[in-house]
Amino acid sequence: AAVGLPGMLTSFLPGQEAGNVDFVLEGGFGDFADDPVEIGEEVSTWLRDPELMKSMSNKARECGRPNAAAEIVLDIGSRTQ
């Protein structure tokens, strides 16, 4: 999301990454599928529709937090000093 691109999630680790699927779906900038044919069909649909790609890219940028990793490191560092 941070780079402004739609995302197709194809798997996730239960617990640790399950929330990522909801985040992408609710954000409107991607989808989840684990069937290769379904993945190809969905991504092909995106790529054939410039307006859809633009909309999904905008939503991804809105949801993205490009500095999240740095913020986490700073937060952990402030708690350990």
Protein backbone atom coordinates (compact mmCIF):
# COMPACT_ATOMS: atom_id res chain seq x y z
CA ALA A 1 0.00 0.00 0.00
CA ALA A 2 2.81 2.39 0.84
CA VAL A 3 4.00 2.54 -2.76
CA GLY A 4 0.52 3.11 -4.17
CA LEU A 5 0.02 -0.18 -5.97
CA PRO A 6 -2.92 -2.56 -5.76
CA GLY A 7 -2.16 -5.83 -4.02
CA MET A 8 -3.19 -9.41 -4.66
CA LEU A 9 -2.74 -11.48 -1.53
CA THR A 10 -2.34 -15.18 -2.18
CA SER A 11 -1.69 -16.51 1.32
CA PHE A 12 -1.21 -15.42 4.91
CA LEU A 13 0.06 -16.79 8.20
CA PRO A 14 -2.87 -17.43 10.54
CA GLY A 15 -2.96 -14.96 13.39
CA GLN A 16 0.10 -12.95 12.44
CA GLU A 17 -0.98 -11.88 8.96
CA ALA A 18 -4.72 -12.56 8.90
CA GLY A 19 -5.47 -8.89 9.51
CA ASN A 20 -3.63 -7.97 6.33
CA VAL A 21 -6.37 -9.55 4.24
CA ASP A 22 -9.08 -7.48 5.92
CA PHE A 23 -6.93 -4.34 5.65
CA VAL A 24 -6.52 -4.77 1.89
CA LEU A 25 -10.14 -5.74 1.25
CA GLU A 26 -11.62 -3.00 3.42
CA GLY A 27 -9.19 -0.47 1.96
CA GLY A 28 -10.43 -1.31 -1.52
CA PHE A 29 -6.97 -1.62 -3.02
CA GLY A 30 -6.67 -5.35 -3.55
CA ASP A 31 -8.08 -8.81 -3.18
CA PHE A 32 -7.32 -12.23 -1.76
CA ALA A 33 -7.35 -15.46 -3.74
CA ASP A 34 -5.40 -18.68 -3.48
CA ASP A 35 -6.45 -20.25 -6.78
CA PRO A 36 -3.96 -19.46 -9.58
CA VAL A 37 -6.67 -19.16 -12.22
CA GLU A 38 -8.71 -16.79 -10.06
CA ILE A 39 -5.59 -14.74 -9.30
CA GLY A 40 -4.76 -14.39 -12.99
CA GLU A 41 -8.31 -13.46 -13.93
CA GLU A 42 -8.60 -10.84 -11.20
CA VAL A 43 -5.24 -9.18 -11.86
CA SER A 44 -5.94 -9.23 -15.61
CA THR A 45 -9.21 -7.41 -14.94
CA TRP A 46 -7.32 -4.72 -13.03
CA LEU A 47 -4.70 -4.32 -15.74
CA ARG A 48 -7.30 -3.94 -18.50
CA ASP A 49 -9.10 -1.14 -16.65
CA PRO A 50 -6.97 2.01 -16.26
CA GLU A 51 -9.63 3.79 -14.18
CA LEU A 52 -9.86 0.85 -11.79
CA MET A 53 -6.06 0.75 -11.46
CA LYS A 54 -6.00 4.49 -10.78
CA SER A 55 -8.72 4.17 -8.14
CA MET A 56 -7.07 1.19 -6.45
CA SER A 57 -3.68 2.91 -6.54
CA ASN A 58 -5.14 6.03 -4.90
CA LYS A 59 -6.77 3.91 -2.21
CA ALA A 60 -3.49 2.09 -1.61
CA ARG A 61 -1.65 5.40 -1.15
CA GLU A 62 -4.36 6.61 1.25
CA CYS A 63 -4.02 3.45 3.36
CA GLY A 64 -0.25 3.16 3.14
CA ARG A 65 2.11 4.08 5.92
CA PRO A 66 5.52 4.30 4.25
CA ASN A 67 7.25 5.21 7.50
CA ALA A 68 5.64 2.48 9.61
CA ALA A 69 8.82 0.44 10.09
CA ALA A 70 10.79 3.49 11.23
CA GLU A 71 7.97 4.51 13.58
CA ILE A 72 7.95 1.04 15.15
CA VAL A 73 11.72 1.08 15.66
CA LEU A 74 11.56 4.51 17.28
CA ASP A 75 8.71 3.41 19.52
CA ILE A 76 10.57 0.29 20.65
CA GLY A 77 13.73 2.32 21.20
CA SER A 78 11.91 4.88 23.32
CA ARG A 79 10.49 2.11 25.51
CA THR A 80 13.84 0.42 26.09
CA GLN A 81 15.81 3.43 27.23
